[in-house]
């Protein structure tokens, strides 16, 4: 998580984020979601859409979150165990 956050906010990518208003309209709702997956797993576009929709509908949780309100992999595993 720290490596991803470093890339997004502390590399050349951060300059693109600062200029995003030139290319995108402000949505006023989450437009990305983070979630934990097992190493070596490639998430699908459909999974990403589902996670963003879940985040928009329910707010941050171990199921889908954003950088400013993140959860650990252990939180996500506990949430899965609790739901089964």
PDB file of N, CA and C in Angstrom:
ATOM      1  N   UNK A   1       0.832  -1.186   0.000  1.00  0.00           N
ATOM      2  CA  UNK A   1       0.000   0.000   0.000  1.00  0.00           C
ATOM      3  C   UNK A   1       0.878   1.252   0.000  1.00  0.00           C
ATOM      4  N   UNK A   2       1.931   1.241   0.796  1.00  0.00           N
ATOM      5  CA  UNK A   2       2.809   2.411   0.857  1.00  0.00           C
ATOM      6  C   UNK A   2       3.492   2.663  -0.480  1.00  0.00           C
ATOM      7  N   UNK A   3       3.876   1.603  -1.171  1.00  0.00           N
ATOM      8  CA  UNK A   3       4.526   1.761  -2.474  1.00  0.00           C
ATOM      9  C   UNK A   3       3.563   2.374  -3.488  1.00  0.00           C
ATOM     10  N   UNK A   4       2.315   1.931  -3.487  1.00  0.00           N
ATOM     11  CA  UNK A   4       1.322   2.496  -4.403  1.00  0.00           C
ATOM     12  C   UNK A   4       1.070   3.962  -4.073  1.00  0.00           C
ATOM     13  N   UNK A   5       0.895   4.261  -2.801  1.00  0.00           N
ATOM     14  CA  UNK A   5       0.650   5.641  -2.399  1.00  0.00           C
ATOM     15  C   UNK A   5       1.848   6.529  -2.759  1.00  0.00           C
ATOM     16  N   UNK A   6       3.056   6.013  -2.590  1.00  0.00           N
ATOM     17  CA  UNK A   6       4.250   6.776  -2.975  1.00  0.00           C
ATOM     18  C   UNK A   6       4.240   7.061  -4.471  1.00  0.00           C
ATOM     19  N   UNK A   7       3.961   6.043  -5.279  1.00  0.00           N
ATOM     20  CA  UNK A   7       3.915   6.240  -6.732  1.00  0.00           C
ATOM     21  C   UNK A   7       2.881   7.304  -7.118  1.00  0.00           C
ATOM     22  N   UNK A   8       1.684   7.187  -6.569  1.00  0.00           N
ATOM     23  CA  UNK A   8       0.596   8.080  -6.952  1.00  0.00           C
ATOM     24  C   UNK A   8       0.886   9.527  -6.558  1.00  0.00           C
ATOM     25  N   UNK A   9       1.414   9.742  -5.352  1.00  0.00           N
ATOM     26  CA  UNK A   9       1.529  11.103  -4.822  1.00  0.00           C
ATOM     27  C   UNK A   9       2.946  11.657  -4.741  1.00  0.00           C
ATOM     28  N   UNK A  10       3.969  10.853  -5.015  1.00  0.00           N
ATOM     29  CA  UNK A  10       5.344  11.332  -4.833  1.00  0.00           C
ATOM     30  C   UNK A  10       6.248  11.139  -6.046  1.00  0.00           C
ATOM     31  N   UNK A  11       5.671  10.788  -7.189  1.00  0.00           N
ATOM     32  CA  UNK A  11       6.476  10.636  -8.405  1.00  0.00           C
ATOM     33  C   UNK A  11       5.917  11.569  -9.474  1.00  0.00           C
ATOM     34  N   UNK A  12       6.372  11.419 -10.694  1.00  0.00           N
ATOM     35  CA  UNK A  12       5.883  12.240 -11.796  1.00  0.00           C
ATOM     36  C   UNK A  12       4.367  12.102 -11.953  1.00  0.00           C
ATOM     37  N   UNK A  13       3.814  10.995 -11.511  1.00  0.00           N
ATOM     38  CA  UNK A  13       2.365  10.793 -11.554  1.00  0.00           C
ATOM     39  C   UNK A  13       1.640  11.898 -10.786  1.00  0.00           C
ATOM     40  N   UNK A  14       2.234  12.396  -9.718  1.00  0.00           N
ATOM     41  CA  UNK A  14       1.611  13.445  -8.906  1.00  0.00           C
ATOM     42  C   UNK A  14       1.376  14.714  -9.731  1.00  0.00           C
ATOM     43  N   UNK A  15       2.258  15.018 -10.653  1.00  0.00           N
ATOM     44  CA  UNK A  15       2.064  16.191 -11.520  1.00  0.00           C
ATOM     45  C   UNK A  15       0.812  16.034 -12.371  1.00  0.00           C
ATOM     46  N   UNK A  16       0.587  14.836 -12.853  1.00  0.00           N
ATOM     47  CA  UNK A  16      -0.627  14.578 -13.639  1.00  0.00           C
ATOM     48  C   UNK A  16      -1.880  14.737 -12.777  1.00  0.00           C
ATOM     49  N   UNK A  17      -1.809  14.295 -11.539  1.00  0.00           N
ATOM     50  CA  UNK A  17      -2.945  14.464 -10.634  1.00  0.00           C
ATOM     51  C   UNK A  17      -3.235  15.950 -10.416  1.00  0.00           C
ATOM     52  N   UNK A  18      -2.192  16.734 -10.247  1.00  0.00           N
ATOM     53  CA  UNK A  18      -2.391  18.178 -10.034  1.00  0.00           C
ATOM     54  C   UNK A  18      -3.046  18.838 -11.253  1.00  0.00           C
ATOM     55  N   UNK A  19      -2.838  18.284 -12.428  1.00  0.00           N
ATOM     56  CA  UNK A  19      -3.390  18.862 -13.656  1.00  0.00           C
ATOM     57  C   UNK A  19      -4.698  18.208 -14.094  1.00  0.00           C
ATOM     58  N   UNK A  20      -5.258  17.321 -13.287  1.00  0.00           N
ATOM     59  CA  UNK A  20      -6.435  16.554 -13.713  1.00  0.00           C
ATOM     60  C   UNK A  20      -7.632  17.418 -14.070  1.00  0.00           C
ATOM     61  N   UNK A  21      -7.746  18.602 -13.494  1.00  0.00           N
ATOM     62  CA  UNK A  21      -8.880  19.483 -13.810  1.00  0.00           C
ATOM     63  C   UNK A  21      -8.871  19.898 -15.282  1.00  0.00           C
ATOM     64  N   UNK A  22      -7.719  19.825 -15.933  1.00  0.00           N
ATOM     65  CA  UNK A  22      -7.631  20.156 -17.353  1.00  0.00           C
ATOM     66  C   UNK A  22      -8.283  19.089 -18.226  1.00  0.00           C
ATOM     67  N   UNK A  23      -8.382  17.877 -17.706  1.00  0.00           N
ATOM     68  CA  UNK A  23      -8.877  16.761 -18.517  1.00  0.00           C
ATOM     69  C   UNK A  23     -10.190  16.169 -18.026  1.00  0.00           C
ATOM     70  N   UNK A  24     -10.496  16.355 -16.744  1.00  0.00           N
ATOM     71  CA  UNK A  24     -11.653  15.677 -16.164  1.00  0.00           C
ATOM     72  C   UNK A  24     -12.558  16.654 -15.444  1.00  0.00           C
ATOM     73  N   UNK A  25     -13.851  16.350 -15.441  1.00  0.00           N
ATOM     74  CA  UNK A  25     -14.804  17.084 -14.628  1.00  0.00           C
ATOM     75  C   UNK A  25     -14.797  16.489 -13.224  1.00  0.00           C
ATOM     76  N   UNK A  26     -15.053  17.315 -12.225  1.00  0.00           N
ATOM     77  CA  UNK A  26     -15.136  16.823 -10.853  1.00  0.00           C
ATOM     78  C   UNK A  26     -16.446  16.053 -10.695  1.00  0.00           C
ATOM     79  N   UNK A  27     -16.359  14.811 -10.230  1.00  0.00           N
ATOM     80  CA  UNK A  27     -17.532  13.960 -10.133  1.00  0.00           C
ATOM     81  C   UNK A  27     -18.304  14.135  -8.827  1.00  0.00           C
ATOM     82  N   UNK A  28     -17.618  14.471  -7.757  1.00  0.00           N
ATOM     83  CA  UNK A  28     -18.294  14.618  -6.479  1.00  0.00           C
ATOM     84  C   UNK A  28     -18.598  13.295  -5.791  1.00  0.00           C
ATOM     85  N   UNK A  29     -18.062  12.205  -6.299  1.00  0.00           N
ATOM     86  CA  UNK A  29     -18.213  10.886  -5.684  1.00  0.00           C
ATOM     87  C   UNK A  29     -16.962  10.074  -6.014  1.00  0.00           C
ATOM     88  N   UNK A  30     -16.722   9.011  -5.289  1.00  0.00           N
ATOM     89  CA  UNK A  30     -15.520   8.211  -5.578  1.00  0.00           C
ATOM     90  C   UNK A  30     -15.510   7.716  -7.025  1.00  0.00           C
ATOM     91  N   UNK A  31     -14.341   7.775  -7.625  1.00  0.00           N
ATOM     92  CA  UNK A  31     -14.185   7.313  -9.007  1.00  0.00           C
ATOM     93  C   UNK A  31     -13.125   6.217  -9.119  1.00  0.00           C
ATOM     94  N   UNK A  32     -12.577   5.830  -7.985  1.00  0.00           N
ATOM     95  CA  UNK A  32     -11.660   4.692  -7.937  1.00  0.00           C
ATOM     96  C   UNK A  32     -11.874   3.985  -6.605  1.00  0.00           C
ATOM     97  N   UNK A  33     -11.465   2.747  -6.550  1.00  0.00           N
ATOM     98  CA  UNK A  33     -11.540   1.979  -5.308  1.00  0.00           C
ATOM     99  C   UNK A  33     -10.286   1.125  -5.174  1.00  0.00           C
ATOM    100  N   UNK A  34      -9.853   0.967  -3.961  1.00  0.00           N
ATOM    101  CA  UNK A  34      -8.761   0.057  -3.641  1.00  0.00           C
ATOM    102  C   UNK A  34      -9.343  -1.111  -2.859  1.00  0.00           C
ATOM    103  N   UNK A  35      -8.742  -2.281  -3.023  1.00  0.00           N
ATOM    104  CA  UNK A  35      -9.119  -3.442  -2.230  1.00  0.00           C
ATOM    105  C   UNK A  35      -7.963  -4.421  -2.270  1.00  0.00           C
ATOM    106  N   UNK A  36      -7.917  -5.287  -1.276  1.00  0.00           N
ATOM    107  CA  UNK A  36      -6.839  -6.261  -1.170  1.00  0.00           C
ATOM    108  C   UNK A  36      -7.177  -7.510  -1.962  1.00  0.00           C
ATOM    109  N   UNK A  37      -6.180  -8.025  -2.681  1.00  0.00           N
ATOM    110  CA  UNK A  37      -6.312  -9.271  -3.423  1.00  0.00           C
ATOM    111  C   UNK A  37      -5.066 -10.104  -3.165  1.00  0.00           C
ATOM    112  N   UNK A  38      -5.145 -11.405  -3.334  1.00  0.00           N
ATOM    113  CA  UNK A  38      -3.964 -12.248  -3.145  1.00  0.00           C
ATOM    114  C   UNK A  38      -2.866 -11.901  -4.163  1.00  0.00           C
ATOM    115  N   UNK A  39      -1.632 -12.008  -3.732  1.00  0.00           N
ATOM    116  CA  UNK A  39      -0.498 -11.757  -4.624  1.00  0.00           C
ATOM    117  C   UNK A  39      -0.618 -12.639  -5.865  1.00  0.00           C
ATOM    118  N   UNK A  40      -0.334 -12.061  -7.017  1.00  0.00           N
ATOM    119  CA  UNK A  40      -0.378 -12.791  -8.271  1.00  0.00           C
ATOM    120  C   UNK A  40      -1.743 -12.815  -8.933  1.00  0.00           C
ATOM    121  N   UNK A  41      -2.745 -12.231  -8.284  1.00  0.00           N
ATOM    122  CA  UNK A  41      -4.101 -12.183  -8.831  1.00  0.00           C
ATOM    123  C   UNK A  41      -4.257 -10.930  -9.683  1.00  0.00           C
ATOM    124  N   UNK A  42      -4.898 -11.071 -10.824  1.00  0.00           N
ATOM    125  CA  UNK A  42      -5.212  -9.915 -11.664  1.00  0.00           C
ATOM    126  C   UNK A  42      -6.706  -9.630 -11.560  1.00  0.00           C
ATOM    127  N   UNK A  43      -7.075  -8.479 -11.013  1.00  0.00           N
ATOM    128  CA  UNK A  43      -8.503  -8.161 -10.926  1.00  0.00           C
ATOM    129  C   UNK A  43      -9.065  -7.852 -12.309  1.00  0.00           C
ATOM    130  N   UNK A  44     -10.351  -8.078 -12.458  1.00  0.00           N
ATOM    131  CA  UNK A  44     -11.016  -7.791 -13.725  1.00  0.00           C
ATOM    132  C   UNK A  44     -11.622  -6.392 -13.691  1.00  0.00           C
ATOM    133  N   UNK A  45     -11.945  -5.903 -14.864  1.00  0.00           N
ATOM    134  CA  UNK A  45     -12.629  -4.611 -14.959  1.00  0.00           C
ATOM    135  C   UNK A  45     -13.972  -4.709 -14.246  1.00  0.00           C
ATOM    136  N   UNK A  46     -14.656  -5.821 -14.394  1.00  0.00           N
ATOM    137  CA  UNK A  46     -15.955  -6.004 -13.749  1.00  0.00           C
ATOM    138  C   UNK A  46     -15.828  -5.926 -12.225  1.00  0.00           C
ATOM    139  N   UNK A  47     -14.783  -6.533 -11.678  1.00  0.00           N
ATOM    140  CA  UNK A  47     -14.556  -6.450 -10.229  1.00  0.00           C
ATOM    141  C   UNK A  47     -14.307  -5.005  -9.806  1.00  0.00           C
ATOM    142  N   UNK A  48     -13.534  -4.278 -10.593  1.00  0.00           N
ATOM    143  CA  UNK A  48     -13.247  -2.884 -10.271  1.00  0.00           C
ATOM    144  C   UNK A  48     -14.517  -2.046 -10.286  1.00  0.00           C
ATOM    145  N   UNK A  49     -15.352  -2.249 -11.282  1.00  0.00           N
ATOM    146  CA  UNK A  49     -16.616  -1.511 -11.364  1.00  0.00           C
ATOM    147  C   UNK A  49     -17.467  -1.820 -10.140  1.00  0.00           C
ATOM    148  N   UNK A  50     -17.544  -3.079  -9.779  1.00  0.00           N
ATOM    149  CA  UNK A  50     -18.337  -3.478  -8.609  1.00  0.00           C
ATOM    150  C   UNK A  50     -17.808  -2.819  -7.333  1.00  0.00           C
ATOM    151  N   UNK A  51     -16.499  -2.759  -7.179  1.00  0.00           N
ATOM    152  CA  UNK A  51     -15.916  -2.156  -5.973  1.00  0.00           C
ATOM    153  C   UNK A  51     -16.170  -0.652  -5.936  1.00  0.00           C
ATOM    154  N   UNK A  52     -16.038   0.014  -7.062  1.00  0.00           N
ATOM    155  CA  UNK A  52     -16.326   1.459  -7.095  1.00  0.00           C
ATOM    156  C   UNK A  52     -17.794   1.700  -6.759  1.00  0.00           C
ATOM    157  N   UNK A  53     -18.678   0.906  -7.321  1.00  0.00           N
ATOM    158  CA  UNK A  53     -20.108   1.064  -7.033  1.00  0.00           C
ATOM    159  C   UNK A  53     -20.398   0.811  -5.553  1.00  0.00           C
ATOM    160  N   UNK A  54     -19.752  -0.182  -4.976  1.00  0.00           N
ATOM    161  CA  UNK A  54     -19.936  -0.471  -3.557  1.00  0.00           C
ATOM    162  C   UNK A  54     -19.445   0.710  -2.711  1.00  0.00           C
ATOM    163  N   UNK A  55     -18.299   1.245  -3.057  1.00  0.00           N
ATOM    164  CA  UNK A  55     -17.756   2.394  -2.332  1.00  0.00           C
ATOM    165  C   UNK A  55     -18.687   3.594  -2.442  1.00  0.00           C
ATOM    166  N   UNK A  56     -19.209   3.845  -3.614  1.00  0.00           N
ATOM    167  CA  UNK A  56     -20.135   4.964  -3.797  1.00  0.00           C
ATOM    168  C   UNK A  56     -21.406   4.779  -2.968  1.00  0.00           C
ATOM    169  N   UNK A  57     -21.908   3.566  -2.900  1.00  0.00           N
ATOM    170  CA  UNK A  57     -23.161   3.297  -2.208  1.00  0.00           C
ATOM    171  C   UNK A  57     -23.013   3.207  -0.694  1.00  0.00           C
ATOM    172  N   UNK A  58     -21.874   2.680  -0.216  1.00  0.00           N
ATOM    173  CA  UNK A  58     -21.744   2.363   1.209  1.00  0.00           C
ATOM    174  C   UNK A  58     -20.598   3.068   1.928  1.00  0.00           C
ATOM    175  N   UNK A  59     -19.771   3.780   1.188  1.00  0.00           N
ATOM    176  CA  UNK A  59     -18.615   4.421   1.818  1.00  0.00           C
ATOM    177  C   UNK A  59     -17.478   3.435   2.021  1.00  0.00           C
ATOM    178  N   UNK A  60     -16.362   3.918   2.560  1.00  0.00           N
ATOM    179  CA  UNK A  60     -15.186   3.072   2.728  1.00  0.00           C
ATOM    180  C   UNK A  60     -15.429   1.925   3.706  1.00  0.00           C
ATOM    181  N   UNK A  61     -14.892   0.773   3.363  1.00  0.00           N
ATOM    182  CA  UNK A  61     -14.949  -0.421   4.200  1.00  0.00           C
ATOM    183  C   UNK A  61     -13.804  -1.323   3.765  1.00  0.00           C
ATOM    184  N   UNK A  62     -13.557  -2.415   4.472  1.00  0.00           N
ATOM    185  CA  UNK A  62     -12.509  -3.331   4.004  1.00  0.00           C
ATOM    186  C   UNK A  62     -12.785  -3.891   2.607  1.00  0.00           C
ATOM    187  N   UNK A  63     -14.040  -3.825   2.154  1.00  0.00           N
ATOM    188  CA  UNK A  63     -14.409  -4.334   0.826  1.00  0.00           C
ATOM    189  C   UNK A  63     -13.942  -3.402  -0.291  1.00  0.00           C
ATOM    190  N   UNK A  64     -13.978  -2.094  -0.043  1.00  0.00           N
ATOM    191  CA  UNK A  64     -13.573  -1.084  -1.039  1.00  0.00           C
ATOM    192  C   UNK A  64     -13.270   0.205  -0.295  1.00  0.00           C
ATOM    193  N   UNK A  65     -12.124   0.788  -0.580  1.00  0.00           N
ATOM    194  CA  UNK A  65     -11.702   1.984   0.156  1.00  0.00           C
ATOM    195  C   UNK A  65     -10.865   2.888  -0.726  1.00  0.00           C
ATOM    196  N   UNK A  66     -10.446   4.017  -0.159  1.00  0.00           N
ATOM    197  CA  UNK A  66      -9.604   4.990  -0.870  1.00  0.00           C
ATOM    198  C   UNK A  66      -8.365   5.260  -0.019  1.00  0.00           C
ATOM    199  N   UNK A  67      -7.418   5.977  -0.561  1.00  0.00           N
ATOM    200  CA  UNK A  67      -6.195   6.254   0.176  1.00  0.00           C
ATOM    201  C   UNK A  67      -6.460   6.940   1.511  1.00  0.00           C
ATOM    202  N   UNK A  68      -7.380   7.906   1.535  1.00  0.00           N
ATOM    203  CA  UNK A  68      -7.581   8.682   2.769  1.00  0.00           C
ATOM    204  C   UNK A  68      -8.290   7.891   3.861  1.00  0.00           C
ATOM    205  N   UNK A  69      -8.898   6.765   3.513  1.00  0.00           N
ATOM    206  CA  UNK A  69      -9.518   5.885   4.520  1.00  0.00           C
ATOM    207  C   UNK A  69      -9.252   4.453   4.090  1.00  0.00           C
ATOM    208  N   UNK A  70      -8.090   3.959   4.456  1.00  0.00           N
ATOM    209  CA  UNK A  70      -7.688   2.631   3.999  1.00  0.00           C
ATOM    210  C   UNK A  70      -7.834   1.595   5.119  1.00  0.00           C
ATOM    211  N   UNK A  71      -7.773   0.355   4.718  1.00  0.00           N
ATOM    212  CA  UNK A  71      -7.862  -0.791   5.616  1.00  0.00           C
ATOM    213  C   UNK A  71      -6.702  -1.724   5.313  1.00  0.00           C
ATOM    214  N   UNK A  72      -6.350  -2.535   6.274  1.00  0.00           N
ATOM    215  CA  UNK A  72      -5.266  -3.493   6.070  1.00  0.00           C
ATOM    216  C   UNK A  72      -5.802  -4.756   5.403  1.00  0.00           C
ATOM    217  N   UNK A  73      -4.888  -5.574   4.919  1.00  0.00           N
ATOM    218  CA  UNK A  73      -5.280  -6.869   4.358  1.00  0.00           C
ATOM    219  C   UNK A  73      -5.931  -7.729   5.439  1.00  0.00           C
ATOM    220  N   UNK A  74      -5.474  -7.581   6.671  1.00  0.00           N
ATOM    221  CA  UNK A  74      -6.062  -8.330   7.780  1.00  0.00           C
ATOM    222  C   UNK A  74      -7.510  -7.891   8.029  1.00  0.00           C
ATOM    223  N   UNK A  75      -7.778  -6.582   7.901  1.00  0.00           N
ATOM    224  CA  UNK A  75      -9.160  -6.087   8.023  1.00  0.00           C
ATOM    225  C   UNK A  75     -10.049  -6.741   6.970  1.00  0.00           C
ATOM    226  N   UNK A  76      -9.554  -6.814   5.752  1.00  0.00           N
ATOM    227  CA  UNK A  76     -10.330  -7.395   4.655  1.00  0.00           C
ATOM    228  C   UNK A  76     -10.585  -8.881   4.910  1.00  0.00           C
ATOM    229  N   UNK A  77      -9.568  -9.600   5.365  1.00  0.00           N
ATOM    230  CA  UNK A  77      -9.736 -11.027   5.641  1.00  0.00           C
ATOM    231  C   UNK A  77     -10.746 -11.229   6.772  1.00  0.00           C
ATOM    232  N   UNK A  78     -10.676 -10.415   7.798  1.00  0.00           N
ATOM    233  CA  UNK A  78     -11.626 -10.526   8.919  1.00  0.00           C
ATOM    234  C   UNK A  78     -13.046 -10.247   8.454  1.00  0.00           C
ATOM    235  N   UNK A  79     -13.219  -9.275   7.571  1.00  0.00           N
ATOM    236  CA  UNK A  79     -14.556  -8.946   7.061  1.00  0.00           C
ATOM    237  C   UNK A  79     -15.121 -10.104   6.241  1.00  0.00           C
ATOM    238  N   UNK A  80     -14.279 -10.771   5.465  1.00  0.00           N
ATOM    239  CA  UNK A  80     -14.732 -11.930   4.683  1.00  0.00           C
ATOM    240  C   UNK A  80     -15.128 -13.060   5.627  1.00  0.00           C
ATOM    241  N   UNK A  81     -14.313 -13.313   6.656  1.00  0.00           N
ATOM    242  CA  UNK A  81     -14.642 -14.368   7.613  1.00  0.00           C
ATOM    243  C   UNK A  81     -15.946 -14.066   8.332  1.00  0.00           C
ATOM    244  N   UNK A  82     -16.178 -12.811   8.671  1.00  0.00           N
ATOM    245  CA  UNK A  82     -17.390 -12.431   9.396  1.00  0.00           C
ATOM    246  C   UNK A  82     -18.642 -12.571   8.533  1.00  0.00           C
ATOM    247  N   UNK A  83     -18.474 -12.460   7.217  1.00  0.00           N
ATOM    248  CA  UNK A  83     -19.652 -12.520   6.334  1.00  0.00           C
ATOM    249  C   UNK A  83     -20.001 -13.940   5.917  1.00  0.00           C
ATOM    250  N   UNK A  84     -19.158 -14.910   6.279  1.00  0.00           N
ATOM    251  CA  UNK A  84     -19.453 -16.305   5.884  1.00  0.00           C
ATOM    252  C   UNK A  84     -19.938 -17.120   7.048  1.00  0.00           C
TER     253      UNK A  84
END
